Amino acid sequence: MPIQVKRLLIAFALFFIVFFILVYFLFPESWGDIGPYRSLALKEIADKEPKYVDTESCTMCHDSIANLKNDGEHKSINCQTCHGVGYKHVNEPETNKMDIPKGRDFCARCHALNAARPKNIIKQVDVNEHNKGEECVSCHNPHKP
């Protein structure tokens, strides 16, 4: 057998040895219990603290804004969509302030002209032409646009 073939076989053998050692140490213990998944991942996810805050949690303190919003076009949008994650604010409102979105770019995320959006459901404007240089909130109340 030529020396090149022997060296190639040794290189392949070393590669497979290193590969199987890495697989042994790097794969989690529960891998493969229920197919190509970690069965303990379900428990880890279930044990996490939920971070979702529903609109009713916001309404407890901000009832006047909630009443205004419920009469407006944004009534089906959760408060966290615009103001960010609220679970910390609900627990400690004085130290964890919510985002107050400002700027044309924020409103343009949903309301800029986009052929893929249904115009009869989402009001669209040409943000480059509509009321140039002004903030959207100077004319439109986002809770009741």
N, C-alpha and C. Protein backbone atom coordinates (compact mmCIF):
# COMPACT_ATOMS: atom_id res chain seq x y z
N MET A 1 0.85 -1.17 0.00
CA MET A 1 0.00 0.00 0.00
C MET A 1 0.90 1.24 0.00
N PRO A 2 0.62 2.18 -0.87
CA PRO A 2 1.46 3.39 -0.94
C PRO A 2 1.34 4.22 0.35
N ILE A 3 2.40 4.94 0.65
CA ILE A 3 2.47 5.74 1.87
C ILE A 3 1.38 6.82 1.90
N GLN A 4 1.03 7.38 0.72
CA GLN A 4 0.00 8.42 0.67
C GLN A 4 -1.36 7.89 1.13
N VAL A 5 -1.68 6.65 0.76
CA VAL A 5 -2.95 6.04 1.15
C VAL A 5 -2.95 5.79 2.65
N LYS A 6 -1.81 5.32 3.20
CA LYS A 6 -1.71 5.09 4.65
C LYS A 6 -1.92 6.40 5.41
N ARG A 7 -1.28 7.46 4.94
CA ARG A 7 -1.43 8.77 5.60
C ARG A 7 -2.89 9.26 5.51
N LEU A 8 -3.51 9.04 4.38
CA LEU A 8 -4.90 9.44 4.20
C LEU A 8 -5.82 8.65 5.13
N LEU A 9 -5.60 7.36 5.27
CA LEU A 9 -6.41 6.54 6.18
C LEU A 9 -6.21 6.97 7.62
N ILE A 10 -4.98 7.30 8.00
CA ILE A 10 -4.71 7.78 9.37
C ILE A 10 -5.43 9.12 9.60
N ALA A 11 -5.39 10.01 8.61
CA ALA A 11 -6.06 11.31 8.74
C ALA A 11 -7.57 11.12 8.89
N PHE A 12 -8.16 10.22 8.10
CA PHE A 12 -9.59 9.95 8.22
C PHE A 12 -9.92 9.34 9.57
N ALA A 13 -9.10 8.43 10.04
CA ALA A 13 -9.33 7.80 11.34
C ALA A 13 -9.28 8.85 12.45
N LEU A 14 -8.29 9.74 12.41
CA LEU A 14 -8.20 10.79 13.42
C LEU A 14 -9.41 11.72 13.35
N PHE A 15 -9.83 12.06 12.15
CA PHE A 15 -11.01 12.92 11.98
C PHE A 15 -12.23 12.28 12.62
N PHE A 16 -12.48 11.00 12.35
CA PHE A 16 -13.65 10.33 12.90
C PHE A 16 -13.55 10.20 14.42
N ILE A 17 -12.39 9.95 14.95
CA ILE A 17 -12.21 9.87 16.41
C ILE A 17 -12.54 11.20 17.06
N VAL A 18 -11.98 12.28 16.51
CA VAL A 18 -12.26 13.62 17.06
C VAL A 18 -13.75 13.94 16.91
N PHE A 19 -14.34 13.60 15.78
CA PHE A 19 -15.76 13.85 15.55
C PHE A 19 -16.62 13.15 16.60
N PHE A 20 -16.39 11.88 16.84
CA PHE A 20 -17.21 11.14 17.80
C PHE A 20 -16.97 11.60 19.23
N ILE A 21 -15.78 12.03 19.56
CA ILE A 21 -15.52 12.59 20.90
C ILE A 21 -16.30 13.89 21.07
N LEU A 22 -16.29 14.75 20.05
CA LEU A 22 -17.03 16.01 20.11
C LEU A 22 -18.54 15.75 20.22
N VAL A 23 -19.05 14.81 19.45
CA VAL A 23 -20.47 14.48 19.52
C VAL A 23 -20.82 14.00 20.92
N TYR A 24 -19.99 13.19 21.51
CA TYR A 24 -20.26 12.65 22.84
C TYR A 24 -20.34 13.78 23.88
N PHE A 25 -19.43 14.73 23.82
CA PHE A 25 -19.39 15.78 24.83
C PHE A 25 -20.31 16.97 24.53
N LEU A 26 -20.62 17.22 23.28
CA LEU A 26 -21.38 18.42 22.94
C LEU A 26 -22.89 18.20 22.82
N PHE A 27 -23.36 17.01 22.53
CA PHE A 27 -24.78 16.77 22.42
C PHE A 27 -25.40 16.72 23.81
N PRO A 28 -26.52 17.38 24.02
CA PRO A 28 -27.19 17.36 25.32
C PRO A 28 -27.67 15.96 25.67
N GLU A 29 -27.84 15.74 26.96
CA GLU A 29 -28.22 14.42 27.44
C GLU A 29 -29.57 13.96 26.90
N SER A 30 -30.51 14.90 26.80
CA SER A 30 -31.86 14.52 26.38
C SER A 30 -32.05 14.52 24.86
N TRP A 31 -30.99 14.72 24.11
CA TRP A 31 -31.09 14.73 22.65
C TRP A 31 -31.53 13.38 22.14
N GLY A 32 -32.55 13.36 21.31
CA GLY A 32 -32.96 12.13 20.65
C GLY A 32 -34.00 11.33 21.42
N ASP A 33 -34.41 11.79 22.61
CA ASP A 33 -35.41 11.04 23.36
C ASP A 33 -36.74 11.00 22.63
N ILE A 34 -37.08 12.10 21.96
CA ILE A 34 -38.35 12.18 21.23
C ILE A 34 -38.08 12.61 19.78
N GLY A 35 -37.16 11.94 19.16
CA GLY A 35 -36.78 12.30 17.80
C GLY A 35 -35.60 13.24 17.83
N PRO A 36 -35.42 14.03 16.78
CA PRO A 36 -34.26 14.92 16.73
C PRO A 36 -34.48 16.21 17.54
N TYR A 37 -34.85 16.06 18.82
CA TYR A 37 -35.11 17.19 19.69
C TYR A 37 -34.54 16.91 21.07
N ARG A 38 -34.43 17.98 21.88
CA ARG A 38 -34.07 17.80 23.29
C ARG A 38 -35.38 17.72 24.08
N SER A 39 -35.65 16.62 24.70
CA SER A 39 -36.91 16.47 25.43
C SER A 39 -36.96 17.41 26.64
N LEU A 40 -35.83 17.74 27.23
CA LEU A 40 -35.83 18.65 28.38
C LEU A 40 -36.09 20.10 27.98
N ALA A 41 -36.00 20.42 26.70
CA ALA A 41 -36.24 21.78 26.24
C ALA A 41 -37.68 22.20 26.55
N LEU A 42 -38.64 21.27 26.48
CA LEU A 42 -40.03 21.60 26.77
C LEU A 42 -40.19 22.05 28.22
N LYS A 43 -39.54 21.37 29.14
CA LYS A 43 -39.60 21.75 30.55
C LYS A 43 -38.91 23.10 30.78
N GLU A 44 -37.77 23.30 30.13
CA GLU A 44 -37.06 24.57 30.29
C GLU A 44 -37.91 25.75 29.82
N ILE A 45 -38.60 25.58 28.71
CA ILE A 45 -39.45 26.65 28.19
C ILE A 45 -40.66 26.86 29.10
N ALA A 46 -41.26 25.78 29.58
CA ALA A 46 -42.43 25.89 30.45
C ALA A 46 -42.09 26.54 31.79
N ASP A 47 -40.86 26.40 32.26
CA ASP A 47 -40.45 26.97 33.54
C ASP A 47 -40.11 28.46 33.47
N LYS A 48 -40.01 29.01 32.26
CA LYS A 48 -39.67 30.43 32.14
C LYS A 48 -40.83 31.30 32.60
N GLU A 49 -40.49 32.46 33.15
CA GLU A 49 -41.51 33.41 33.58
C GLU A 49 -42.15 34.05 32.36
N PRO A 50 -43.49 34.06 32.29
CA PRO A 50 -44.13 34.70 31.14
C PRO A 50 -43.92 36.21 31.18
N LYS A 51 -43.75 36.81 30.02
CA LYS A 51 -43.45 38.22 29.94
C LYS A 51 -44.52 39.01 29.18
N TYR A 52 -45.58 38.34 28.80
CA TYR A 52 -46.65 39.00 28.05
C TYR A 52 -47.56 39.74 29.03
N VAL A 53 -47.95 40.94 28.67
CA VAL A 53 -48.90 41.71 29.46
C VAL A 53 -50.08 42.02 28.55
N ASP A 54 -51.27 41.66 29.00
CA ASP A 54 -52.44 41.94 28.17
C ASP A 54 -52.91 43.38 28.36
N THR A 55 -53.79 43.81 27.50
CA THR A 55 -54.28 45.18 27.52
C THR A 55 -55.01 45.49 28.83
N GLU A 56 -55.65 44.50 29.44
CA GLU A 56 -56.37 44.73 30.70
C GLU A 56 -55.40 45.16 31.81
N SER A 57 -54.18 44.66 31.78
CA SER A 57 -53.19 45.08 32.78
C SER A 57 -52.86 46.56 32.64
N CYS A 58 -52.81 47.04 31.41
CA CYS A 58 -52.55 48.47 31.17
C CYS A 58 -53.75 49.31 31.58
N THR A 59 -54.95 48.78 31.35
CA THR A 59 -56.19 49.51 31.62
C THR A 59 -56.37 49.77 33.12
N MET A 60 -55.81 48.92 33.97
CA MET A 60 -55.98 49.11 35.42
C MET A 60 -55.49 50.48 35.87
N CYS A 61 -54.42 50.99 35.27
CA CYS A 61 -53.87 52.30 35.66
C CYS A 61 -54.15 53.38 34.62
N HIS A 62 -54.29 53.00 33.39
CA HIS A 62 -54.42 53.97 32.29
C HIS A 62 -55.81 53.85 31.66
N ASP A 63 -56.85 53.93 32.48
CA ASP A 63 -58.20 53.70 31.97
C ASP A 63 -58.68 54.79 31.02
N SER A 64 -58.27 56.04 31.22
CA SER A 64 -58.72 57.09 30.30
C SER A 64 -58.12 56.90 28.91
N ILE A 65 -56.85 56.49 28.86
CA ILE A 65 -56.22 56.23 27.56
C ILE A 65 -56.85 55.00 26.92
N ALA A 66 -57.15 53.98 27.73
CA ALA A 66 -57.76 52.76 27.20
C ALA A 66 -59.14 53.06 26.62
N ASN A 67 -59.91 53.91 27.29
CA ASN A 67 -61.25 54.26 26.76
C ASN A 67 -61.12 55.00 25.44
N LEU A 68 -60.15 55.90 25.36
CA LEU A 68 -59.92 56.63 24.12
C LEU A 68 -59.50 55.67 23.01
N LYS A 69 -58.59 54.76 23.34
CA LYS A 69 -58.07 53.80 22.36
C LYS A 69 -59.17 52.84 21.89
N ASN A 70 -60.05 52.44 22.79
CA ASN A 70 -61.11 51.49 22.44
C ASN A 70 -62.13 52.08 21.47
N ASP A 71 -62.19 53.40 21.39
CA ASP A 71 -63.08 54.05 20.43
C ASP A 71 -62.38 54.33 19.10
N GLY A 72 -61.08 54.09 19.03
CA GLY A 72 -60.31 54.45 17.84
C GLY A 72 -59.98 53.28 16.95
N GLU A 73 -59.22 53.58 15.91
CA GLU A 73 -58.83 52.58 14.91
C GLU A 73 -57.81 51.57 15.45
N HIS A 74 -57.08 51.93 16.48
CA HIS A 74 -56.04 51.05 17.02
C HIS A 74 -56.54 50.16 18.15
N LYS A 75 -57.85 50.00 18.28
CA LYS A 75 -58.41 49.27 19.41
C LYS A 75 -57.97 47.80 19.45
N SER A 76 -57.66 47.20 18.33
CA SER A 76 -57.27 45.79 18.31
C SER A 76 -55.77 45.58 18.48
N ILE A 77 -55.01 46.67 18.60
CA ILE A 77 -53.56 46.57 18.73
C ILE A 77 -53.18 46.58 20.21
N ASN A 78 -52.38 45.61 20.63
CA ASN A 78 -51.93 45.53 22.01
C ASN A 78 -51.01 46.71 22.32
N CYS A 79 -51.07 47.21 23.54
CA CYS A 79 -50.26 48.36 23.95
C CYS A 79 -48.76 48.11 23.74
N GLN A 80 -48.33 46.86 23.95
CA GLN A 80 -46.91 46.53 23.83
C GLN A 80 -46.39 46.64 22.41
N THR A 81 -47.27 46.64 21.43
CA THR A 81 -46.85 46.78 20.05
C THR A 81 -46.13 48.10 19.83
N CYS A 82 -46.63 49.15 20.45
CA CYS A 82 -46.03 50.48 20.29
C CYS A 82 -45.14 50.87 21.47
N HIS A 83 -45.50 50.44 22.67
CA HIS A 83 -44.82 50.93 23.86
C HIS A 83 -43.76 49.97 24.41
N GLY A 84 -43.57 48.83 23.80
CA GLY A 84 -42.54 47.90 24.24
C GLY A 84 -43.07 46.94 25.30
N VAL A 85 -42.22 46.03 25.72
CA VAL A 85 -42.58 44.99 26.68
C VAL A 85 -42.97 45.63 28.01
N GLY A 86 -44.11 45.21 28.57
CA GLY A 86 -44.65 45.91 29.72
C GLY A 86 -44.62 45.17 31.04
N TYR A 87 -44.10 43.97 31.12
CA TYR A 87 -44.19 43.22 32.37
C TYR A 87 -43.42 43.88 33.51
N LYS A 88 -42.28 44.50 33.22
CA LYS A 88 -41.53 45.19 34.27
C LYS A 88 -42.26 46.45 34.72
N HIS A 89 -42.88 47.14 33.78
CA HIS A 89 -43.61 48.37 34.10
C HIS A 89 -44.80 48.05 35.00
N VAL A 90 -45.50 46.95 34.75
CA VAL A 90 -46.65 46.57 35.57
C VAL A 90 -46.21 46.30 37.00
N ASN A 91 -45.06 45.66 37.17
CA ASN A 91 -44.58 45.32 38.52
C ASN A 91 -44.00 46.53 39.24
N GLU A 92 -43.28 47.39 38.56
CA GLU A 92 -42.65 48.57 39.17
C GLU A 92 -42.80 49.77 38.23
N PRO A 93 -43.97 50.41 38.22
CA PRO A 93 -44.22 51.48 37.24
C PRO A 93 -43.34 52.72 37.42
N GLU A 94 -42.88 52.98 38.63
CA GLU A 94 -42.08 54.19 38.84
C GLU A 94 -40.67 54.05 38.30
N THR A 95 -40.10 52.86 38.38
CA THR A 95 -38.71 52.67 37.95
C THR A 95 -38.59 52.15 36.52
N ASN A 96 -39.65 51.57 35.99
CA ASN A 96 -39.61 51.01 34.63
C ASN A 96 -40.61 51.74 33.75
N LYS A 97 -40.15 52.76 33.09
CA LYS A 97 -41.01 53.56 32.22
C LYS A 97 -41.16 52.88 30.87
N MET A 98 -42.30 53.07 30.26
CA MET A 98 -42.57 52.51 28.94
C MET A 98 -42.07 53.46 27.87
N ASP A 99 -41.84 52.94 26.68
CA ASP A 99 -41.43 53.76 25.54
C ASP A 99 -42.62 54.62 25.09
N ILE A 100 -42.32 55.86 24.76
CA ILE A 100 -43.33 56.72 24.14
C ILE A 100 -42.81 57.00 22.74
N PRO A 101 -43.33 56.28 21.75
CA PRO A 101 -42.78 56.41 20.39
C PRO A 101 -43.08 57.78 19.80
N LYS A 102 -42.06 58.34 19.20
CA LYS A 102 -42.19 59.61 18.50
C LYS A 102 -41.46 59.49 17.18
N GLY A 103 -41.78 60.38 16.29
CA GLY A 103 -41.09 60.38 15.01
C GLY A 103 -41.92 59.75 13.91
N ARG A 104 -41.66 60.23 12.74
CA ARG A 104 -42.40 59.76 11.57
C ARG A 104 -42.05 58.32 11.22
N ASP A 105 -40.82 57.94 11.49
CA ASP A 105 -40.39 56.59 11.14
C ASP A 105 -41.18 55.53 11.90
N PHE A 106 -41.54 55.83 13.14
CA PHE A 106 -42.27 54.84 13.93
C PHE A 106 -43.65 54.58 13.31
N CYS A 107 -44.38 55.64 13.02
CA CYS A 107 -45.71 55.49 12.43
C CYS A 107 -45.62 54.88 11.03
N ALA A 108 -44.54 55.20 10.33
CA ALA A 108 -44.37 54.71 8.96
C ALA A 108 -44.19 53.20 8.91
N ARG A 109 -43.82 52.58 10.00
CA ARG A 109 -43.68 51.11 10.00
C ARG A 109 -44.96 50.44 9.52
N CYS A 110 -46.09 51.01 9.93
CA CYS A 110 -47.37 50.44 9.53
C CYS A 110 -48.09 51.25 8.46
N HIS A 111 -47.88 52.57 8.47
CA HIS A 111 -48.72 53.43 7.66
C HIS A 111 -48.06 53.98 6.40
N ALA A 112 -46.82 53.64 6.12
CA ALA A 112 -46.18 54.07 4.87
C ALA A 112 -46.80 53.32 3.69
N LEU A 113 -46.79 53.94 2.54
CA LEU A 113 -47.33 53.29 1.35
C LEU A 113 -46.61 51.97 1.11
N ASN A 114 -47.39 50.93 0.93
CA ASN A 114 -46.84 49.61 0.71
C ASN A 114 -47.88 48.81 -0.07
N ALA A 115 -47.54 48.41 -1.27
CA ALA A 115 -48.48 47.70 -2.13
C ALA A 115 -48.89 46.35 -1.54
N ALA A 116 -48.10 45.80 -0.65
CA ALA A 116 -48.41 44.50 -0.07
C ALA A 116 -49.45 44.59 1.05
N ARG A 117 -49.71 45.79 1.55
CA ARG A 117 -50.69 45.96 2.63
C ARG A 117 -52.06 46.28 2.05
N PRO A 118 -53.09 45.76 2.66
CA PRO A 118 -54.44 46.10 2.19
C PRO A 118 -54.80 47.53 2.59
N LYS A 119 -55.08 48.39 1.62
CA LYS A 119 -55.37 49.79 1.88
C LYS A 119 -56.70 49.99 2.60
N ASN A 120 -57.63 49.07 2.44
CA ASN A 120 -58.92 49.22 3.09
C ASN A 120 -58.86 48.83 4.57
N ILE A 121 -57.77 48.26 5.02
CA ILE A 121 -57.63 47.86 6.43
C ILE A 121 -56.64 48.77 7.15
N ILE A 122 -55.51 49.06 6.52
CA ILE A 122 -54.48 49.89 7.14
C ILE A 122 -54.37 51.20 6.36
N LYS A 123 -54.65 52.30 7.04
CA LYS A 123 -54.54 53.62 6.41
C LYS A 123 -53.09 53.85 6.02
N GLN A 124 -52.86 54.21 4.75
CA GLN A 124 -51.50 54.43 4.26
C GLN A 124 -51.35 55.85 3.75
N VAL A 125 -50.18 56.42 4.02
CA VAL A 125 -49.87 57.77 3.55
C VAL A 125 -48.46 57.77 2.95
N ASP A 126 -48.24 58.70 2.07
CA ASP A 126 -46.89 58.89 1.52
C ASP A 126 -46.13 59.76 2.52
N VAL A 127 -45.31 59.12 3.36
CA VAL A 127 -44.64 59.85 4.45
C VAL A 127 -43.64 60.87 3.93
N ASN A 128 -43.21 60.74 2.69
CA ASN A 128 -42.29 61.74 2.12
C ASN A 128 -43.02 63.01 1.71
N GLU A 129 -44.32 62.93 1.47
CA GLU A 129 -45.09 64.09 1.02
C GLU A 129 -46.07 64.61 2.08
N HIS A 130 -46.64 63.72 2.85
CA HIS A 130 -47.69 64.09 3.80
C HIS A 130 -47.12 64.88 4.98
N ASN A 131 -47.48 66.15 5.07
CA ASN A 131 -47.13 67.00 6.21
C ASN A 131 -45.63 66.96 6.53
N LYS A 132 -44.82 67.26 5.54
CA LYS A 132 -43.35 67.19 5.67
C LYS A 132 -42.85 67.97 6.88
N GLY A 133 -41.88 67.40 7.58
CA GLY A 133 -41.21 68.07 8.68
C GLY A 133 -41.98 68.07 9.98
N GLU A 134 -43.19 67.58 10.00
CA GLU A 134 -44.00 67.54 11.23
C GLU A 134 -44.02 66.13 11.80
N GLU A 135 -44.15 66.07 13.11
CA GLU A 135 -44.35 64.78 13.77
C GLU A 135 -45.80 64.35 13.55
N CYS A 136 -46.03 63.07 13.42
CA CYS A 136 -47.39 62.57 13.20
C CYS A 136 -48.29 62.93 14.38
N VAL A 137 -47.73 62.85 15.61
CA VAL A 137 -48.54 63.08 16.80
C VAL A 137 -48.93 64.54 16.98
N SER A 138 -48.36 65.46 16.18
CA SER A 138 -48.77 66.87 16.28
C SER A 138 -50.18 67.05 15.72
N CYS A 139 -50.62 66.16 14.84
CA CYS A 139 -51.98 66.24 14.29
C CYS A 139 -52.84 65.03 14.67
N HIS A 140 -52.22 63.89 14.87
CA HIS A 140 -52.95 62.65 15.11
C HIS A 140 -52.67 62.13 16.52
N ASN A 141 -53.73 61.82 17.26
CA ASN A 141 -53.58 61.16 18.55
C ASN A 141 -53.44 59.67 18.26
N PRO A 142 -52.34 59.04 18.61
CA PRO A 142 -52.16 57.63 18.24
C PRO A 142 -53.18 56.70 18.93
N HIS A 143 -53.75 57.12 20.05
CA HIS A 143 -54.73 56.29 20.71
C HIS A 143 -56.11 56.40 20.06
N LYS A 144 -56.32 57.51 19.35
CA LYS A 144 -57.57 57.67 18.58
C LYS A 144 -57.23 58.51 17.34
N PRO A 145 -56.61 57.88 16.34
CA PRO A 145 -56.15 58.64 15.17
C PRO A 145 -57.30 59.21 14.35
